[in-house]
Amino acid sequence: MSPDNALSLSLASSHTANADPMAISTHLPPARFFEEGTALNRLLLEAPYLARCSDDKTATRVRPREYALRYPYMQVNRPGMVSWLVFDLDHANALAWDDAGLPAPNLMVRNRKSGHSQLFYAVPSVCTTENARA
């Protein structure tokens, strides 16, 4: 799976292993995050309908995006398109963007155990295939 179309979304520290993949899970954020105009709503709308997802970084399962969102790792960009730039911070300073004077991310996800985080920046969709104009 290429980094262009498989970026991880770690929503929770618990795992859904050994559970029914289509069952309701605690990974799903509260409904207010899905209201129109929120970053998570945009992520859900722009994610591939059948997104890769899993409990680990392999992203071996393919599920409808509404179910894929419940997994700790989920594909957020469609194949051949980039709508999100995701930066993985492998240290506990989730506010490194602020310390460096960079713009605030549209969405920030933090691992409760390690403190590591991912910064999601929404960008206008860009085609990354041969069909893109130069």
Protein backbone atom coordinates (compact mmCIF):
# COMPACT_ATOMS: atom_id res chain seq x y z
CA MET A 1 0.00 0.00 0.00
CA SER A 2 1.53 3.33 -1.03
CA PRO A 3 1.77 6.31 1.33
CA ASP A 4 -0.22 8.41 -1.18
CA ASN A 5 -3.45 6.54 -0.65
CA ALA A 6 -3.06 4.81 2.69
CA LEU A 7 -2.51 7.11 5.61
CA SER A 8 -3.32 5.97 9.08
CA LEU A 9 -5.96 7.45 11.28
CA SER A 10 -5.42 6.32 14.85
CA LEU A 11 -8.62 7.23 16.66
CA ALA A 12 -8.22 5.22 19.82
CA SER A 13 -5.75 3.15 21.74
CA SER A 14 -8.02 0.12 22.16
CA HIS A 15 -8.19 -2.59 19.51
CA THR A 16 -11.07 -4.29 17.74
CA ALA A 17 -9.18 -7.53 17.13
CA ASN A 18 -11.25 -10.68 17.58
CA ALA A 19 -14.42 -8.61 17.26
CA ASP A 20 -16.95 -8.67 14.46
CA PRO A 21 -15.53 -6.14 11.96
CA MET A 22 -18.97 -4.79 11.19
CA ALA A 23 -20.01 -4.50 14.83
CA ILE A 24 -20.36 -1.14 16.54
CA SER A 25 -17.11 -0.23 18.24
CA THR A 26 -15.92 2.32 20.76
CA HIS A 27 -13.61 3.76 18.09
CA LEU A 28 -16.41 5.90 16.69
CA PRO A 29 -16.19 9.53 17.87
CA PRO A 30 -19.29 11.33 19.19
CA ALA A 31 -21.88 12.47 16.62
CA ARG A 32 -20.96 16.15 17.01
CA PHE A 33 -17.70 15.49 15.15
CA PHE A 34 -19.67 14.44 12.06
CA GLU A 35 -21.71 17.63 11.82
CA GLU A 36 -21.46 19.51 8.54
CA GLY A 37 -18.41 21.74 8.32
CA THR A 38 -16.19 19.75 10.70
CA ALA A 39 -12.83 18.31 9.69
CA LEU A 40 -13.86 14.76 10.57
CA ASN A 41 -16.97 15.10 8.41
CA ARG A 42 -14.80 16.25 5.49
CA LEU A 43 -12.44 13.34 6.08
CA LEU A 44 -15.33 10.91 5.98
CA LEU A 45 -16.83 12.47 2.83
CA GLU A 46 -13.51 12.48 0.93
CA ALA A 47 -12.27 9.06 2.04
CA PRO A 48 -12.67 6.22 -0.45
CA TYR A 49 -16.04 4.49 -0.22
CA LEU A 50 -14.24 1.19 0.32
CA ALA A 51 -11.33 2.20 2.53
CA ARG A 52 -8.45 0.03 3.69
CA CYS A 53 -8.37 -0.33 7.46
CA SER A 54 -7.06 -2.54 10.25
CA ASP A 55 -6.03 -2.79 13.87
CA ASP A 56 -2.37 -2.49 12.86
CA LYS A 57 -0.36 -0.69 10.18
CA THR A 58 -0.99 -3.38 7.55
CA ALA A 59 -4.42 -1.98 6.53
CA THR A 60 -5.41 -5.40 5.21
CA ARG A 61 -9.19 -5.10 5.51
CA VAL A 62 -11.43 -3.24 3.06
CA ARG A 63 -14.63 -1.86 4.56
CA PRO A 64 -17.16 0.86 3.73
CA ARG A 65 -15.76 4.12 5.11
CA GLU A 66 -18.42 4.37 7.84
CA TYR A 67 -17.13 1.07 9.26
CA ALA A 68 -13.47 1.67 8.40
CA LEU A 69 -13.54 4.79 10.56
CA ARG A 70 -13.98 2.57 13.60
CA TYR A 71 -10.55 1.00 13.14
CA PRO A 72 -7.37 2.57 14.53
CA TYR A 73 -5.86 2.72 11.01
CA MET A 74 -7.80 3.89 7.97
CA GLN A 75 -7.06 5.01 4.42
CA VAL A 76 -8.03 8.70 4.12
CA ASN A 77 -7.04 9.59 0.53
CA ARG A 78 -8.71 8.08 -2.52
CA PRO A 79 -6.49 6.19 -4.97
CA GLY A 80 -4.99 8.71 -7.37
CA MET A 81 -6.11 11.71 -5.30
CA VAL A 82 -4.65 13.56 -2.32
CA SER A 83 -7.08 15.56 -0.17
CA TRP A 84 -5.20 15.30 3.12
CA LEU A 85 -1.56 15.81 4.05
CA VAL A 86 -0.84 13.75 7.14
CA PHE A 87 2.26 14.25 9.26
CA ASP A 88 3.23 11.60 11.78
CA LEU A 89 4.85 12.99 14.95
CA ASP A 90 6.79 10.21 16.64
CA HIS A 91 7.32 12.16 19.83
CA ALA A 92 5.10 13.35 22.67
CA ASN A 93 5.01 17.06 21.64
CA ALA A 94 1.69 17.15 19.78
CA LEU A 95 1.93 20.95 19.58
CA ALA A 96 5.21 21.00 17.65
CA TRP A 97 3.40 22.78 14.81
CA ASP A 98 2.64 25.70 17.14
CA ASP A 99 6.19 25.82 18.51
CA ALA A 100 7.50 26.05 14.92
CA GLY A 101 5.04 28.83 13.99
CA LEU A 102 3.19 26.64 11.47
CA PRO A 103 -0.54 26.83 10.69
CA ALA A 104 -2.89 24.83 12.88
CA PRO A 105 -3.90 21.43 11.46
CA ASN A 106 -7.52 20.80 10.51
CA LEU A 107 -7.49 17.63 12.58
CA MET A 108 -5.09 16.26 15.16
CA VAL A 109 -5.18 12.69 16.46
CA ARG A 110 -3.13 11.63 19.47
CA ASN A 111 -2.33 8.19 20.86
CA ARG A 112 -3.28 8.26 24.54
CA LYS A 113 -0.60 5.76 25.55
CA SER A 114 2.49 7.06 23.73
CA GLY A 115 1.53 10.69 23.22
CA HIS A 116 2.49 10.40 19.54
CA SER A 117 0.17 12.20 17.17
CA GLN A 118 -0.77 12.77 13.56
CA LEU A 119 -1.54 16.16 12.08
CA PHE A 120 -4.10 16.27 9.26
CA TYR A 121 -4.08 19.24 6.88
CA ALA A 122 -6.98 19.48 4.41
CA VAL A 123 -5.90 20.59 0.95
CA PRO A 124 -7.86 21.04 -2.29
CA SER A 125 -7.99 17.61 -3.93
CA VAL A 126 -5.01 16.98 -6.21
CA CYS A 127 -4.89 14.27 -8.86
CA THR A 128 -1.67 12.25 -8.64
CA THR A 129 -2.16 10.00 -11.67
CA GLU A 130 -1.03 10.37 -15.28
CA ASN A 131 -4.41 12.04 -15.98
CA ALA A 132 -3.38 15.13 -14.01
CA ARG A 133 -2.59 18.29 -15.93
CA ALA A 134 0.96 19.58 -15.75
